[in-house]
Amino acid sequence: MKGATKQGLWLADGMLLMVALIWGSSYAVAKQALLFYPVLGFLAIRFGLTFILLLPQLRGAGRRALRPGLPLGLVMLVIFLCETWGVLLTSASNAAFLISLCVVITPFMEWLLLRQRPHNTLFLACALSLAGVWLLTGGPQLSLNLGDALMLAAALLRAVLVCLTRRLTAGREIPALALTAVQSGVVAAGCILLAVSLPGGLPALPVEPGFWFGTLYLVLFATLFAMFAQNRALGRSSATRVSLLMGSEPLFGALIAGLWLGERLAPMGWAGGLLIMLATAWTLHSGRAAPTRPAAGIDDGVATRA
C-alpha cells in the first residue's frame, strides 16, 4: 500500500512537470502562431475552440458558473490581450520569467483586496523579484520595452483575477470546467467584437498547418490537460508541493525559447530569471500564495493560463 502511494505521488509529480514543460513551451508556440495571424484573431480562435469543447459543462449545475464567470472573463480578456501582445513584442524567455511574478504579487493583492496581510518574509521575496526584473531587463542599461511592460501588467492582473475568483466563488459549488467555459467564451466574444470594430477587421483564416497545430496544442494541452493534471495532483499531494513543481515553468520557457527560437539570454538575464524563480519559490513555500496559474476557477488556477 505504501509503495502504491509512493508510486501515485511520483506519477502526480511527473504529470505536473509535464504541465510545467507545456506551459513553458506555450510562449514559444504562441509567438510562432502570431506569425500567421493577428493577436485578436488568434485569441478568438483559441478561446472559441476551448469554449466549444467545454460547452457541455454548462448543463445543469454548470449554469451556476455564469454569474461569476462573466466578470472574471472580462478580466481574463484584458490579461490575455496584455500577455499575447507582450509575447509578440518581447522575447519568449522574458515573457516566461516576467509572468511568474504573479505568484509574488498575489499575496500583496490579497492584502489590498481581501485584507489578508502577507507574511513579513514576503517583503524580501518582493525585493528579490524586483531585483530579478531589473537584471532581466538590462540592469544598469535598463531597457524595459513595451512587451516587457505588458507582461508585467498581465502578471499584476493575474493576481487580481486570483483574488476576484476567490471572492466571487466563495461558498459556492461551481464546477471548474464550467467556469473555464464561461471565461473562454467571454474572451473569444470580446476579441471578435474588438476585431470587427477596428478598421480592416480580421483577415481570412490562416491555412498554414503550423498555426492550427500550435493553436490546438494550446487548447488541448496547455488548458484541458493542464487542468486535469493539476486537479489530479492536488488530490495526491500538498498544494505547496504542486506549486513548487509548477514553478519550474519559467525555466522550461527560457530553455525552449533558446532551443527552438534561438533566443539567447545574457548572463545578467539568467541571473534575473533565477532571482524571480527564487522569489516565486519563497512565496509559495510561505503557504500564502495561489497556485502558479489561476486555474480559472478550479483552484484559482489553470484557466488563467488557458
C-alpha atoms as a PDB file:
ATOM      1  CA  MET A   1       0.000   0.000   0.000  1.00  0.00           C
ATOM      2  CA  LYS A   2       2.815   2.328   0.892  1.00  0.00           C
ATOM      3  CA  GLY A   3       4.532   1.524  -2.423  1.00  0.00           C
ATOM      4  CA  ALA A   4       1.322   2.262  -4.322  1.00  0.00           C
ATOM      5  CA  THR A   5       1.013   5.620  -2.551  1.00  0.00           C
ATOM      6  CA  LYS A   6       4.604   6.497  -3.395  1.00  0.00           C
ATOM      7  CA  GLN A   7       4.071   5.412  -6.996  1.00  0.00           C
ATOM      8  CA  GLY A   8       0.968   7.606  -7.206  1.00  0.00           C
ATOM      9  CA  LEU A   9       2.951  10.560  -5.859  1.00  0.00           C
ATOM     10  CA  TRP A  10       5.687  10.050  -8.452  1.00  0.00           C
ATOM     11  CA  LEU A  11       3.037   9.840 -11.179  1.00  0.00           C
ATOM     12  CA  ALA A  12       1.432  13.070  -9.964  1.00  0.00           C
ATOM     13  CA  ASP A  13       4.825  14.807  -9.842  1.00  0.00           C
ATOM     14  CA  GLY A  14       5.601  13.601 -13.361  1.00  0.00           C
ATOM     15  CA  MET A  15       2.311  14.969 -14.672  1.00  0.00           C
ATOM     16  CA  LEU A  16       2.958  18.324 -13.016  1.00  0.00           C
ATOM     17  CA  LEU A  17       6.426  18.600 -14.513  1.00  0.00           C
ATOM     18  CA  MET A  18       4.880  17.784 -17.887  1.00  0.00           C
ATOM     19  CA  VAL A  19       2.371  20.611 -17.385  1.00  0.00           C
ATOM     20  CA  ALA A  20       5.196  22.988 -16.412  1.00  0.00           C
ATOM     21  CA  LEU A  21       7.001  21.966 -19.605  1.00  0.00           C
ATOM     22  CA  ILE A  22       3.847  22.507 -21.688  1.00  0.00           C
ATOM     23  CA  TRP A  23       3.172  25.894 -20.117  1.00  0.00           C
ATOM     24  CA  GLY A  24       6.795  26.869 -20.561  1.00  0.00           C
ATOM     25  CA  SER A  25       6.555  25.992 -24.250  1.00  0.00           C
ATOM     26  CA  SER A  26       3.311  27.953 -24.670  1.00  0.00           C
ATOM     27  CA  TYR A  27       5.166  31.261 -25.078  1.00  0.00           C
ATOM     28  CA  ALA A  28       7.226  29.991 -27.991  1.00  0.00           C
ATOM     29  CA  VAL A  29       4.179  28.281 -29.538  1.00  0.00           C
ATOM     30  CA  ALA A  30       2.093  31.459 -29.282  1.00  0.00           C
ATOM     31  CA  LYS A  31       4.938  33.546 -30.692  1.00  0.00           C
ATOM     32  CA  GLN A  32       5.114  31.243 -33.729  1.00  0.00           C
ATOM     33  CA  ALA A  33       1.322  31.230 -34.212  1.00  0.00           C
ATOM     34  CA  LEU A  34       1.299  35.036 -34.238  1.00  0.00           C
ATOM     35  CA  LEU A  35       3.493  34.950 -37.340  1.00  0.00           C
ATOM     36  CA  PHE A  36       0.428  33.720 -39.258  1.00  0.00           C
ATOM     37  CA  TYR A  37      -2.495  35.646 -37.728  1.00  0.00           C
ATOM     38  CA  PRO A  38      -3.057  38.829 -35.678  1.00  0.00           C
ATOM     39  CA  VAL A  39      -3.482  38.805 -31.909  1.00  0.00           C
ATOM     40  CA  LEU A  40      -7.255  39.337 -31.760  1.00  0.00           C
ATOM     41  CA  GLY A  41      -7.961  36.638 -34.328  1.00  0.00           C
ATOM     42  CA  PHE A  42      -5.582  34.182 -32.682  1.00  0.00           C
ATOM     43  CA  LEU A  43      -7.195  34.662 -29.269  1.00  0.00           C
ATOM     44  CA  ALA A  44     -10.720  34.446 -30.731  1.00  0.00           C
ATOM     45  CA  ILE A  45      -9.910  31.103 -32.371  1.00  0.00           C
ATOM     46  CA  ARG A  46      -8.023  29.724 -29.382  1.00  0.00           C
ATOM     47  CA  PHE A  47     -10.679  30.541 -26.815  1.00  0.00           C
ATOM     48  CA  GLY A  48     -13.561  29.914 -29.196  1.00  0.00           C
ATOM     49  CA  LEU A  49     -12.360  26.329 -29.613  1.00  0.00           C
ATOM     50  CA  THR A  50     -11.926  25.988 -25.846  1.00  0.00           C
ATOM     51  CA  PHE A  51     -15.479  27.265 -25.303  1.00  0.00           C
ATOM     52  CA  ILE A  52     -16.943  24.826 -27.850  1.00  0.00           C
ATOM     53  CA  LEU A  53     -15.152  21.858 -26.290  1.00  0.00           C
ATOM     54  CA  LEU A  54     -16.321  22.815 -22.797  1.00  0.00           C
ATOM     55  CA  LEU A  55     -19.860  23.901 -23.734  1.00  0.00           C
ATOM     56  CA  PRO A  56     -21.466  20.648 -22.465  1.00  0.00           C
ATOM     57  CA  GLN A  57     -20.156  21.544 -18.989  1.00  0.00           C
ATOM     58  CA  LEU A  58     -22.701  24.388 -18.766  1.00  0.00           C
ATOM     59  CA  ARG A  59     -25.619  21.998 -18.371  1.00  0.00           C
ATOM     60  CA  GLY A  60     -27.306  21.578 -15.007  1.00  0.00           C
ATOM     61  CA  ALA A  61     -25.113  22.715 -12.122  1.00  0.00           C
ATOM     62  CA  GLY A  62     -22.692  24.260 -14.599  1.00  0.00           C
ATOM     63  CA  ARG A  63     -25.080  27.161 -15.121  1.00  0.00           C
ATOM     64  CA  ARG A  64     -24.032  28.485 -11.736  1.00  0.00           C
ATOM     65  CA  ALA A  65     -20.766  29.499 -13.396  1.00  0.00           C
ATOM     66  CA  LEU A  66     -22.458  32.188 -15.498  1.00  0.00           C
ATOM     67  CA  ARG A  67     -22.757  34.843 -12.802  1.00  0.00           C
ATOM     68  CA  PRO A  68     -19.126  34.849 -11.584  1.00  0.00           C
ATOM     69  CA  GLY A  69     -17.749  33.754 -14.957  1.00  0.00           C
ATOM     70  CA  LEU A  70     -18.841  36.834 -16.904  1.00  0.00           C
ATOM     71  CA  PRO A  71     -16.931  39.476 -14.870  1.00  0.00           C
ATOM     72  CA  LEU A  72     -13.982  37.112 -14.392  1.00  0.00           C
ATOM     73  CA  GLY A  73     -13.964  36.521 -18.131  1.00  0.00           C
ATOM     74  CA  LEU A  74     -13.657  40.258 -18.778  1.00  0.00           C
ATOM     75  CA  VAL A  75     -10.594  40.419 -16.525  1.00  0.00           C
ATOM     76  CA  MET A  76      -9.206  37.362 -18.276  1.00  0.00           C
ATOM     77  CA  LEU A  77      -9.772  39.080 -21.643  1.00  0.00           C
ATOM     78  CA  VAL A  78      -7.580  42.004 -20.606  1.00  0.00           C
ATOM     79  CA  ILE A  79      -4.955  39.610 -19.206  1.00  0.00           C
ATOM     80  CA  PHE A  80      -4.640  37.709 -22.459  1.00  0.00           C
ATOM     81  CA  LEU A  81      -4.602  40.858 -24.571  1.00  0.00           C
ATOM     82  CA  CYS A  82      -1.685  42.149 -22.486  1.00  0.00           C
ATOM     83  CA  GLU A  83       0.037  38.772 -22.380  1.00  0.00           C
ATOM     84  CA  THR A  84      -0.308  37.898 -26.070  1.00  0.00           C
ATOM     85  CA  TRP A  85       0.786  41.306 -27.302  1.00  0.00           C
ATOM     86  CA  GLY A  86       3.545  41.135 -24.723  1.00  0.00           C
ATOM     87  CA  VAL A  87       4.773  37.791 -26.094  1.00  0.00           C
ATOM     88  CA  LEU A  88       4.693  39.298 -29.578  1.00  0.00           C
ATOM     89  CA  LEU A  89       6.759  42.333 -28.553  1.00  0.00           C
ATOM     90  CA  THR A  90       9.339  40.760 -26.233  1.00  0.00           C
ATOM     91  CA  SER A  91      11.305  37.525 -26.105  1.00  0.00           C
ATOM     92  CA  ALA A  92       9.574  34.282 -25.109  1.00  0.00           C
ATOM     93  CA  SER A  93      12.133  33.807 -22.322  1.00  0.00           C
ATOM     94  CA  ASN A  94      11.463  37.264 -20.845  1.00  0.00           C
ATOM     95  CA  ALA A  95       7.726  36.580 -21.053  1.00  0.00           C
ATOM     96  CA  ALA A  96       8.076  33.285 -19.170  1.00  0.00           C
ATOM     97  CA  PHE A  97      10.025  34.826 -16.304  1.00  0.00           C
ATOM     98  CA  LEU A  98       8.009  38.049 -16.026  1.00  0.00           C
ATOM     99  CA  ILE A  99       4.583  36.399 -15.943  1.00  0.00           C
ATOM    100  CA  SER A 100       5.678  34.243 -12.994  1.00  0.00           C
ATOM    101  CA  LEU A 101       5.768  37.423 -10.902  1.00  0.00           C
ATOM    102  CA  CYS A 102       2.021  36.973 -10.407  1.00  0.00           C
ATOM    103  CA  VAL A 103       2.879  34.475  -7.648  1.00  0.00           C
ATOM    104  CA  VAL A 104       4.827  37.126  -5.722  1.00  0.00           C
ATOM    105  CA  ILE A 105       2.234  39.838  -6.391  1.00  0.00           C
ATOM    106  CA  THR A 106      -0.774  37.743  -5.325  1.00  0.00           C
ATOM    107  CA  PRO A 107      -0.223  37.921  -1.517  1.00  0.00           C
ATOM    108  CA  PHE A 108       0.041  41.713  -1.722  1.00  0.00           C
ATOM    109  CA  MET A 109      -3.099  41.891  -3.854  1.00  0.00           C
ATOM    110  CA  GLU A 110      -4.819  39.730  -1.217  1.00  0.00           C
ATOM    111  CA  TRP A 111      -3.725  42.323   1.349  1.00  0.00           C
ATOM    112  CA  LEU A 112      -5.210  45.134  -0.728  1.00  0.00           C
ATOM    113  CA  LEU A 113      -8.440  43.467  -1.857  1.00  0.00           C
ATOM    114  CA  LEU A 114      -9.133  40.772   0.755  1.00  0.00           C
ATOM    115  CA  ARG A 115      -7.491  42.382   3.810  1.00  0.00           C
ATOM    116  CA  GLN A 116      -5.178  39.387   4.325  1.00  0.00           C
ATOM    117  CA  ARG A 117      -1.768  40.719   5.318  1.00  0.00           C
ATOM    118  CA  PRO A 118       1.166  38.774   3.820  1.00  0.00           C
ATOM    119  CA  HIS A 119       3.869  37.227   5.973  1.00  0.00           C
ATOM    120  CA  ASN A 120       6.797  39.570   6.651  1.00  0.00           C
ATOM    121  CA  THR A 121       9.223  37.329   4.738  1.00  0.00           C
ATOM    122  CA  LEU A 122       7.281  38.009   1.540  1.00  0.00           C
ATOM    123  CA  PHE A 123       8.533  41.581   1.530  1.00  0.00           C
ATOM    124  CA  LEU A 124      12.030  40.186   0.988  1.00  0.00           C
ATOM    125  CA  ALA A 125      10.677  37.924  -1.767  1.00  0.00           C
ATOM    126  CA  CYS A 126       9.196  41.012  -3.395  1.00  0.00           C
ATOM    127  CA  ALA A 127      12.569  42.783  -3.230  1.00  0.00           C
ATOM    128  CA  LEU A 128      14.240  39.732  -4.806  1.00  0.00           C
ATOM    129  CA  SER A 129      11.718  39.672  -7.633  1.00  0.00           C
ATOM    130  CA  LEU A 130      12.187  43.392  -8.323  1.00  0.00           C
ATOM    131  CA  ALA A 131      15.947  42.853  -8.465  1.00  0.00           C
ATOM    132  CA  GLY A 132      15.304  39.978 -10.868  1.00  0.00           C
ATOM    133  CA  VAL A 133      13.182  42.150 -13.156  1.00  0.00           C
ATOM    134  CA  TRP A 134      15.884  44.836 -13.099  1.00  0.00           C
ATOM    135  CA  LEU A 135      18.556  42.335 -14.179  1.00  0.00           C
ATOM    136  CA  LEU A 136      16.298  40.648 -16.730  1.00  0.00           C
ATOM    137  CA  THR A 137      15.536  43.953 -18.439  1.00  0.00           C
ATOM    138  CA  GLY A 138      19.124  45.150 -18.721  1.00  0.00           C
ATOM    139  CA  GLY A 139      20.345  46.056 -15.242  1.00  0.00           C
ATOM    140  CA  PRO A 140      22.249  49.372 -15.329  1.00  0.00           C
ATOM    141  CA  GLN A 141      21.262  49.738 -19.008  1.00  0.00           C
ATOM    142  CA  LEU A 142      17.587  49.306 -18.140  1.00  0.00           C
ATOM    143  CA  SER A 143      15.599  48.780 -21.340  1.00  0.00           C
ATOM    144  CA  LEU A 144      12.038  47.886 -20.389  1.00  0.00           C
ATOM    145  CA  ASN A 145      10.320  47.568 -23.748  1.00  0.00           C
ATOM    146  CA  LEU A 146       6.569  47.643 -24.372  1.00  0.00           C
ATOM    147  CA  GLY A 147       6.381  43.848 -24.432  1.00  0.00           C
ATOM    148  CA  ASP A 148       8.025  43.579 -21.003  1.00  0.00           C
ATOM    149  CA  ALA A 149       5.652  46.230 -19.624  1.00  0.00           C
ATOM    150  CA  LEU A 150       2.633  44.346 -20.984  1.00  0.00           C
ATOM    151  CA  MET A 151       3.837  41.098 -19.387  1.00  0.00           C
ATOM    152  CA  LEU A 152       4.218  42.898 -16.042  1.00  0.00           C
ATOM    153  CA  ALA A 153       0.676  44.258 -16.426  1.00  0.00           C
ATOM    154  CA  ALA A 154      -0.566  40.728 -17.177  1.00  0.00           C
ATOM    155  CA  ALA A 155       1.172  39.402 -14.045  1.00  0.00           C
ATOM    156  CA  LEU A 156      -0.478  42.112 -11.932  1.00  0.00           C
ATOM    157  CA  LEU A 157      -3.897  41.389 -13.438  1.00  0.00           C
ATOM    158  CA  ARG A 158      -3.464  37.669 -12.857  1.00  0.00           C
ATOM    159  CA  ALA A 159      -3.015  38.385  -9.169  1.00  0.00           C
ATOM    160  CA  VAL A 160      -6.198  40.484  -9.286  1.00  0.00           C
ATOM    161  CA  LEU A 161      -8.011  37.609 -11.009  1.00  0.00           C
ATOM    162  CA  VAL A 162      -6.985  35.180  -8.263  1.00  0.00           C
ATOM    163  CA  CYS A 163      -8.469  37.456  -5.598  1.00  0.00           C
ATOM    164  CA  LEU A 164     -11.643  38.153  -7.578  1.00  0.00           C
ATOM    165  CA  THR A 165     -12.111  34.440  -8.249  1.00  0.00           C
ATOM    166  CA  ARG A 166     -11.877  33.707  -4.535  1.00  0.00           C
ATOM    167  CA  ARG A 167     -14.316  36.479  -3.696  1.00  0.00           C
ATOM    168  CA  LEU A 168     -16.910  35.645  -6.371  1.00  0.00           C
ATOM    169  CA  THR A 169     -16.838  31.867  -5.893  1.00  0.00           C
ATOM    170  CA  ALA A 170     -16.543  31.762  -2.087  1.00  0.00           C
ATOM    171  CA  GLY A 171     -19.064  29.388  -0.554  1.00  0.00           C
ATOM    172  CA  ARG A 172     -20.385  28.234  -3.926  1.00  0.00           C
ATOM    173  CA  GLU A 173     -20.124  24.848  -5.588  1.00  0.00           C
ATOM    174  CA  ILE A 174     -19.119  25.919  -9.090  1.00  0.00           C
ATOM    175  CA  PRO A 175     -17.740  23.280 -11.482  1.00  0.00           C
ATOM    176  CA  ALA A 176     -14.263  24.260 -12.615  1.00  0.00           C
ATOM    177  CA  LEU A 177     -14.749  23.287 -16.248  1.00  0.00           C
ATOM    178  CA  ALA A 178     -17.995  25.254 -16.414  1.00  0.00           C
ATOM    179  CA  LEU A 179     -16.279  28.374 -15.087  1.00  0.00           C
ATOM    180  CA  THR A 180     -13.475  27.922 -17.606  1.00  0.00           C
ATOM    181  CA  ALA A 181     -16.070  27.566 -20.379  1.00  0.00           C
ATOM    182  CA  VAL A 182     -17.744  30.868 -19.472  1.00  0.00           C
ATOM    183  CA  GLN A 183     -14.447  32.729 -19.203  1.00  0.00           C
ATOM    184  CA  SER A 184     -13.243  31.307 -22.517  1.00  0.00           C
ATOM    185  CA  GLY A 185     -16.498  32.341 -24.196  1.00  0.00           C
ATOM    186  CA  VAL A 186     -16.141  35.894 -22.876  1.00  0.00           C
ATOM    187  CA  VAL A 187     -12.544  36.132 -24.135  1.00  0.00           C
ATOM    188  CA  ALA A 188     -13.487  34.800 -27.586  1.00  0.00           C
ATOM    189  CA  ALA A 189     -16.523  37.093 -27.910  1.00  0.00           C
ATOM    190  CA  GLY A 190     -14.575  40.121 -26.663  1.00  0.00           C
ATOM    191  CA  CYS A 191     -11.788  39.567 -29.187  1.00  0.00           C
ATOM    192  CA  ILE A 192     -14.282  39.188 -32.043  1.00  0.00           C
ATOM    193  CA  LEU A 193     -16.099  42.398 -31.047  1.00  0.00           C
ATOM    194  CA  LEU A 194     -12.816  44.308 -30.798  1.00  0.00           C
ATOM    195  CA  ALA A 195     -11.640  42.952 -34.144  1.00  0.00           C
ATOM    196  CA  VAL A 196     -14.797  43.867 -36.081  1.00  0.00           C
ATOM    197  CA  SER A 197     -14.876  47.342 -34.527  1.00  0.00           C
ATOM    198  CA  LEU A 198     -11.362  48.168 -35.746  1.00  0.00           C
ATOM    199  CA  PRO A 199     -10.605  49.322 -39.292  1.00  0.00           C
ATOM    200  CA  GLY A 200      -9.882  46.401 -41.591  1.00  0.00           C
ATOM    201  CA  GLY A 201     -11.381  43.750 -39.321  1.00  0.00           C
ATOM    202  CA  LEU A 202      -9.760  40.334 -39.490  1.00  0.00           C
ATOM    203  CA  PRO A 203      -8.066  38.716 -42.490  1.00  0.00           C
ATOM    204  CA  ALA A 204      -9.180  35.343 -43.842  1.00  0.00           C
ATOM    205  CA  LEU A 205      -8.437  32.368 -41.625  1.00  0.00           C
ATOM    206  CA  PRO A 206      -4.855  31.151 -41.958  1.00  0.00           C
ATOM    207  CA  VAL A 207      -4.236  27.967 -43.930  1.00  0.00           C
ATOM    208  CA  GLU A 208      -0.748  27.249 -42.576  1.00  0.00           C
ATOM    209  CA  PRO A 209      -0.693  23.921 -40.672  1.00  0.00           C
ATOM    210  CA  GLY A 210       1.767  25.402 -38.160  1.00  0.00           C
ATOM    211  CA  PHE A 211      -0.859  27.875 -36.938  1.00  0.00           C
ATOM    212  CA  TRP A 212      -3.525  25.238 -36.397  1.00  0.00           C
ATOM    213  CA  PHE A 213      -1.179  22.714 -34.801  1.00  0.00           C
ATOM    214  CA  GLY A 214       0.038  25.405 -32.397  1.00  0.00           C
ATOM    215  CA  THR A 215      -3.470  26.598 -31.540  1.00  0.00           C
ATOM    216  CA  LEU A 216      -4.772  23.069 -30.936  1.00  0.00           C
ATOM    217  CA  TYR A 217      -1.717  22.342 -28.789  1.00  0.00           C
ATOM    218  CA  LEU A 218      -2.542  25.334 -26.587  1.00  0.00           C
ATOM    219  CA  VAL A 219      -6.224  24.374 -26.323  1.00  0.00           C
ATOM    220  CA  LEU A 220      -5.809  20.643 -25.701  1.00  0.00           C
ATOM    221  CA  PHE A 221      -2.614  20.547 -23.671  1.00  0.00           C
ATOM    222  CA  ALA A 222      -1.966  23.996 -22.142  1.00  0.00           C
ATOM    223  CA  THR A 223      -5.600  24.260 -20.999  1.00  0.00           C
ATOM    224  CA  LEU A 224      -7.538  20.994 -20.813  1.00  0.00           C
ATOM    225  CA  PHE A 225      -4.761  18.529 -19.963  1.00  0.00           C
ATOM    226  CA  ALA A 226      -3.176  21.048 -17.574  1.00  0.00           C
ATOM    227  CA  MET A 227      -6.433  21.436 -15.679  1.00  0.00           C
ATOM    228  CA  PHE A 228      -6.902  17.667 -15.408  1.00  0.00           C
ATOM    229  CA  ALA A 229      -3.305  17.110 -14.262  1.00  0.00           C
ATOM    230  CA  GLN A 230      -3.332  19.855 -11.643  1.00  0.00           C
ATOM    231  CA  ASN A 231      -6.659  18.710 -10.190  1.00  0.00           C
ATOM    232  CA  ARG A 232      -5.465  15.090 -10.085  1.00  0.00           C
ATOM    233  CA  ALA A 233      -2.173  16.064  -8.454  1.00  0.00           C
ATOM    234  CA  LEU A 234      -3.903  18.198  -5.809  1.00  0.00           C
ATOM    235  CA  GLY A 235      -5.740  15.054  -4.741  1.00  0.00           C
ATOM    236  CA  ARG A 236      -2.453  13.201  -4.155  1.00  0.00           C
ATOM    237  CA  SER A 237      -0.054  15.883  -2.938  1.00  0.00           C
ATOM    238  CA  SER A 238       0.034  19.132  -0.982  1.00  0.00           C
ATOM    239  CA  ALA A 239      -0.781  22.429  -2.673  1.00  0.00           C
ATOM    240  CA  THR A 240       2.712  23.699  -1.821  1.00  0.00           C
ATOM    241  CA  ARG A 241       4.396  20.704  -3.461  1.00  0.00           C
ATOM    242  CA  VAL A 242       2.187  21.161  -6.536  1.00  0.00           C
ATOM    243  CA  SER A 243       3.012  24.856  -6.754  1.00  0.00           C
ATOM    244  CA  LEU A 244       6.751  24.350  -6.307  1.00  0.00           C
ATOM    245  CA  LEU A 245       6.846  21.799  -9.128  1.00  0.00           C
ATOM    246  CA  MET A 246       4.874  24.164 -11.347  1.00  0.00           C
ATOM    247  CA  GLY A 247       7.397  26.880 -10.509  1.00  0.00           C
ATOM    248  CA  SER A 248       9.820  25.280 -12.967  1.00  0.00           C
ATOM    249  CA  GLU A 249       7.706  26.659 -15.824  1.00  0.00           C
ATOM    250  CA  PRO A 250       9.785  29.833 -16.456  1.00  0.00           C
ATOM    251  CA  LEU A 251      12.966  27.792 -16.685  1.00  0.00           C
ATOM    252  CA  PHE A 252      11.368  25.488 -19.251  1.00  0.00           C
ATOM    253  CA  GLY A 253      10.116  28.572 -21.097  1.00  0.00           C
ATOM    254  CA  ALA A 254      13.594  30.073 -21.349  1.00  0.00           C
ATOM    255  CA  LEU A 255      15.200  26.769 -22.382  1.00  0.00           C
ATOM    256  CA  ILE A 256      12.609  26.091 -25.095  1.00  0.00           C
ATOM    257  CA  ALA A 257      12.894  29.662 -26.378  1.00  0.00           C
ATOM    258  CA  GLY A 258      16.633  29.128 -26.714  1.00  0.00           C
ATOM    259  CA  LEU A 259      16.450  25.703 -28.349  1.00  0.00           C
ATOM    260  CA  TRP A 260      13.514  26.388 -30.676  1.00  0.00           C
ATOM    261  CA  LEU A 261      13.545  30.126 -31.382  1.00  0.00           C
ATOM    262  CA  GLY A 262      17.270  30.665 -30.998  1.00  0.00           C
ATOM    263  CA  GLU A 263      16.799  33.268 -28.260  1.00  0.00           C
ATOM    264  CA  ARG A 264      19.798  33.881 -26.050  1.00  0.00           C
ATOM    265  CA  LEU A 265      19.685  35.363 -22.573  1.00  0.00           C
ATOM    266  CA  ALA A 266      22.792  37.167 -21.376  1.00  0.00           C
ATOM    267  CA  PRO A 267      24.267  36.008 -18.043  1.00  0.00           C
ATOM    268  CA  MET A 268      22.634  39.020 -16.388  1.00  0.00           C
ATOM    269  CA  GLY A 269      19.271  37.931 -17.797  1.00  0.00           C
ATOM    270  CA  TRP A 270      19.690  34.389 -16.464  1.00  0.00           C
ATOM    271  CA  ALA A 271      20.636  35.812 -13.061  1.00  0.00           C
ATOM    272  CA  GLY A 272      17.484  37.934 -13.083  1.00  0.00           C
ATOM    273  CA  GLY A 273      15.332  34.987 -14.107  1.00  0.00           C
ATOM    274  CA  LEU A 274      16.774  32.816 -11.344  1.00  0.00           C
ATOM    275  CA  LEU A 275      16.110  35.559  -8.771  1.00  0.00           C
ATOM    276  CA  ILE A 276      12.484  35.696  -9.925  1.00  0.00           C
ATOM    277  CA  MET A 277      12.217  31.900  -9.616  1.00  0.00           C
ATOM    278  CA  LEU A 278      13.768  32.046  -6.133  1.00  0.00           C
ATOM    279  CA  ALA A 279      11.281  34.729  -5.077  1.00  0.00           C
ATOM    280  CA  THR A 280       8.439  32.640  -6.507  1.00  0.00           C
ATOM    281  CA  ALA A 281       9.563  29.506  -4.646  1.00  0.00           C
ATOM    282  CA  TRP A 282       9.940  31.512  -1.434  1.00  0.00           C
ATOM    283  CA  THR A 283       6.429  32.924  -1.807  1.00  0.00           C
ATOM    284  CA  LEU A 284       4.912  29.512  -2.475  1.00  0.00           C
ATOM    285  CA  HIS A 285       6.785  27.953   0.439  1.00  0.00           C
ATOM    286  CA  SER A 286       5.281  30.540   2.767  1.00  0.00           C
ATOM    287  CA  GLY A 287       1.909  28.951   2.083  1.00  0.00           C
ATOM    288  CA  ARG A 288       0.173  32.241   1.343  1.00  0.00           C
ATOM    289  CA  ALA A 289       0.230  32.240  -2.430  1.00  0.00           C
ATOM    290  CA  ALA A 290      -2.085  30.851  -5.042  1.00  0.00           C
ATOM    291  CA  PRO A 291      -1.017  28.125  -7.420  1.00  0.00           C
ATOM    292  CA  THR A 292       1.252  29.292 -10.176  1.00  0.00           C
ATOM    293  CA  ARG A 293      -1.599  29.635 -12.618  1.00  0.00           C
ATOM    294  CA  PRO A 294      -5.015  30.649 -11.523  1.00  0.00           C
ATOM    295  CA  ALA A 295      -6.887  27.671 -12.778  1.00  0.00           C
ATOM    296  CA  ALA A 296      -9.741  29.687 -13.950  1.00  0.00           C
ATOM    297  CA  GLY A 297     -11.823  28.907 -11.076  1.00  0.00           C
ATOM    298  CA  ILE A 298     -10.628  25.500 -10.211  1.00  0.00           C
ATOM    299  CA  ASP A 299      -8.198  26.367  -7.572  1.00  0.00           C
ATOM    300  CA  ASP A 300      -7.772  29.885  -8.668  1.00  0.00           C
ATOM    301  CA  GLY A 301      -5.580  28.187 -11.106  1.00  0.00           C
ATOM    302  CA  VAL A 302      -5.420  26.700 -14.615  1.00  0.00           C
ATOM    303  CA  ALA A 303      -7.656  28.822 -16.691  1.00  0.00           C
ATOM    304  CA  THR A 304      -5.691  31.916 -16.401  1.00  0.00           C
ATOM    305  CA  ARG A 305      -3.218  30.096 -18.457  1.00  0.00           C
ATOM    306  CA  ALA A 306      -5.899  28.678 -20.606  1.00  0.00           C
END
